[in-house]
Amino acid sequence: MHAEVIIVAYEKEMACEINRLWRISFDQALGLKRRSSRDNAENQLAYLEDVLANEAKISVVVDQGLSRIMGFMALNANVIEQLYLHPDFQGEGHGRRLIDLAKSGSNGELMLYTFELNLGAQNFYHAMGFKEMSRGCADMDSNPWADTRSQL
């Protein structure tokens, strides 16, 4: 565990580093080869800056000693829209801290979605007390990662 780890509110200056770790974590979780498409990275960055930053409360896990962003969570009311930790920092309790933060600000009910292929996330959320409510597919037109084999 890192000694100087804190959770702070998102600031626009963090966007590029968050986007980088988000892509690395996502690719690893779904077993994808590292994506290098600049267009996809720019679209994801725009989504972070233009949608998530305006519609959700983004909490960022920062190691002050390393001056490094370790992960983030985007919470929109009682929906965890995104929660990603860089693979180098998974399993150290930071995800639990983010979930605890979300729980402390909720009305007792939280919801999230995860990909069926992301068994690590599913196991983590089950360990945090989440229950599977349903399975289905995301909108195929707006989500390039959604198909009948990979969406939970």
Protein backbone atom coordinates (compact mmCIF):
# COMPACT_ATOMS: atom_id res chain seq x y z
CA MET A 1 0.00 0.00 0.00
CA HIS A 2 1.25 3.46 -0.82
CA ALA A 3 1.58 5.83 2.14
CA GLU A 4 0.45 9.05 0.48
CA VAL A 5 -2.69 7.92 -1.37
CA ILE A 6 -5.65 10.28 -1.28
CA ILE A 7 -8.96 10.64 -3.10
CA VAL A 8 -9.53 14.06 -4.65
CA ALA A 9 -12.12 15.70 -6.87
CA TYR A 10 -11.51 15.60 -10.61
CA GLU A 11 -9.81 18.58 -12.23
CA LYS A 12 -9.61 19.14 -15.96
CA GLU A 13 -5.81 18.93 -15.86
CA MET A 14 -6.17 15.25 -14.90
CA ALA A 15 -8.10 14.28 -18.02
CA CYS A 16 -5.27 12.98 -20.22
CA GLU A 17 -3.71 10.84 -17.47
CA ILE A 18 -7.12 9.48 -16.45
CA ASN A 19 -7.91 8.66 -20.06
CA ARG A 20 -4.59 6.82 -20.44
CA LEU A 21 -5.10 4.66 -17.33
CA TRP A 22 -8.76 4.07 -18.27
CA ARG A 23 -7.74 2.64 -21.64
CA ILE A 24 -4.97 0.47 -20.14
CA SER A 25 -7.26 -0.91 -17.43
CA PHE A 26 -10.16 -1.50 -19.83
CA ASP A 27 -7.99 -3.30 -22.37
CA GLN A 28 -6.47 -5.55 -19.72
CA ALA A 29 -9.82 -6.33 -18.11
CA LEU A 30 -11.35 -7.43 -21.42
CA GLY A 31 -8.22 -9.14 -22.69
CA LEU A 32 -7.82 -6.76 -25.61
CA LYS A 33 -4.59 -5.94 -27.35
CA ARG A 34 -3.42 -2.47 -26.47
CA ARG A 35 -5.32 -0.05 -28.70
CA SER A 36 -3.31 2.62 -30.39
CA SER A 37 -6.03 4.38 -32.37
CA ARG A 38 -5.71 8.08 -31.76
CA ASP A 39 -9.32 8.65 -32.86
CA ASN A 40 -10.66 6.29 -30.19
CA ALA A 41 -8.47 7.91 -27.54
CA GLU A 42 -9.65 11.38 -28.57
CA ASN A 43 -13.30 10.27 -28.55
CA GLN A 44 -12.91 8.75 -25.10
CA LEU A 45 -11.17 11.88 -23.83
CA ALA A 46 -13.99 14.01 -25.23
CA TYR A 47 -16.52 11.75 -23.46
CA LEU A 48 -14.62 12.18 -20.19
CA GLU A 49 -14.35 15.96 -20.51
CA ASP A 50 -17.71 16.76 -22.13
CA VAL A 51 -20.05 14.17 -20.63
CA LEU A 52 -18.72 12.55 -17.47
CA ALA A 53 -17.18 15.72 -16.06
CA ASN A 54 -20.49 17.54 -16.49
CA GLU A 55 -22.93 14.79 -15.50
CA ALA A 56 -21.08 12.84 -12.80
CA LYS A 57 -19.00 13.42 -9.71
CA ILE A 58 -15.53 12.12 -10.54
CA SER A 59 -13.32 11.03 -7.66
CA VAL A 60 -9.65 10.39 -8.40
CA VAL A 61 -7.20 8.19 -6.48
CA VAL A 62 -3.82 9.94 -6.38
CA ASP A 63 -0.47 8.82 -5.02
CA GLN A 64 1.00 12.12 -3.90
CA GLY A 65 4.45 10.64 -3.37
CA LEU A 66 4.61 9.38 -6.96
CA SER A 67 2.56 12.31 -8.34
CA ARG A 68 0.54 9.69 -10.18
CA ILE A 69 -3.15 9.07 -10.76
CA MET A 70 -3.97 5.50 -9.79
CA GLY A 71 -7.66 5.29 -10.65
CA PHE A 72 -11.01 7.05 -10.75
CA MET A 73 -14.73 6.64 -10.27
CA ALA A 74 -17.52 8.57 -11.99
CA LEU A 75 -20.71 8.59 -9.91
CA ASN A 76 -23.95 9.97 -11.31
CA ALA A 77 -26.55 10.09 -8.53
CA ASN A 78 -26.70 6.42 -7.46
CA VAL A 79 -25.11 4.98 -10.60
CA ILE A 80 -21.42 4.17 -10.78
CA GLU A 81 -20.82 5.11 -14.40
CA GLN A 82 -17.12 4.22 -14.45
CA LEU A 83 -14.64 2.77 -11.98
CA TYR A 84 -11.14 1.95 -13.19
CA LEU A 85 -7.81 1.46 -11.48
CA HIS A 86 -4.50 1.20 -13.29
CA PRO A 87 -3.50 -2.50 -13.27
CA ASP A 88 -0.35 -1.64 -11.29
CA PHE A 89 -2.54 -0.52 -8.38
CA GLN A 90 -5.33 -3.10 -8.38
CA GLY A 91 -5.73 -5.30 -5.32
CA GLU A 92 -4.46 -2.63 -2.91
CA GLY A 93 -7.83 -1.52 -1.52
CA HIS A 94 -8.29 1.60 -3.67
CA GLY A 95 -11.37 0.22 -5.43
CA ARG A 96 -12.90 -0.59 -2.06
CA ARG A 97 -12.24 2.99 -0.93
CA LEU A 98 -14.02 4.32 -4.03
CA ILE A 99 -17.00 2.00 -3.48
CA ASP A 100 -17.15 3.03 0.19
CA LEU A 101 -17.17 6.66 -0.90
CA ALA A 102 -20.04 5.97 -3.31
CA LYS A 103 -21.96 4.07 -0.63
CA SER A 104 -21.50 6.86 1.90
CA GLY A 105 -23.09 9.39 -0.45
CA SER A 106 -25.91 7.19 -1.69
CA ASN A 107 -29.46 6.72 -0.50
CA GLY A 108 -28.60 3.10 0.25
CA GLU A 109 -28.90 1.95 -3.33
CA LEU A 110 -26.15 1.86 -5.96
CA MET A 111 -26.24 0.50 -9.48
CA LEU A 112 -23.59 -0.24 -12.08
CA TYR A 113 -22.99 -2.14 -15.27
CA THR A 114 -20.05 -4.30 -16.24
CA PHE A 115 -19.02 -6.35 -19.23
CA GLU A 116 -19.61 -10.08 -19.06
CA LEU A 117 -16.00 -10.71 -20.06
CA ASN A 118 -14.76 -8.65 -17.12
CA LEU A 119 -14.86 -11.41 -14.53
CA GLY A 120 -12.40 -9.58 -12.29
CA ALA A 121 -14.77 -6.63 -11.98
CA GLN A 122 -17.75 -8.91 -11.42
CA ASN A 123 -15.93 -10.74 -8.62
CA PHE A 124 -14.86 -7.43 -7.08
CA TYR A 125 -18.38 -5.99 -7.14
CA HIS A 126 -19.86 -9.19 -5.69
CA ALA A 127 -17.29 -9.01 -2.87
CA MET A 128 -18.39 -5.40 -2.27
CA GLY A 129 -21.99 -6.57 -1.75
CA PHE A 130 -23.45 -5.92 -5.20
CA LYS A 131 -26.01 -8.39 -6.54
CA GLU A 132 -26.61 -9.21 -10.18
CA MET A 133 -30.04 -7.89 -11.12
CA SER A 134 -30.18 -8.67 -14.83
CA ARG A 135 -28.21 -9.42 -17.96
CA GLY A 136 -28.62 -7.86 -21.34
CA CYS A 137 -26.98 -6.02 -24.17
CA ALA A 138 -25.99 -2.40 -24.37
CA ASP A 139 -27.15 -0.32 -27.28
CA MET A 140 -25.19 -1.81 -30.17
CA ASP A 141 -25.15 1.47 -32.11
CA SER A 142 -23.64 3.66 -29.42
CA ASN A 143 -21.28 1.18 -27.75
CA PRO A 144 -18.62 -0.48 -29.92
CA TRP A 145 -17.80 -2.96 -27.12
CA ALA A 146 -21.37 -4.23 -26.74
CA ASP A 147 -22.36 -7.53 -28.22
CA THR A 148 -24.29 -10.50 -26.96
CA ARG A 149 -21.11 -12.16 -25.72
CA SER A 150 -19.60 -9.31 -23.76
CA GLN A 151 -22.20 -7.19 -22.03
CA LEU A 152 -23.50 -7.83 -18.54
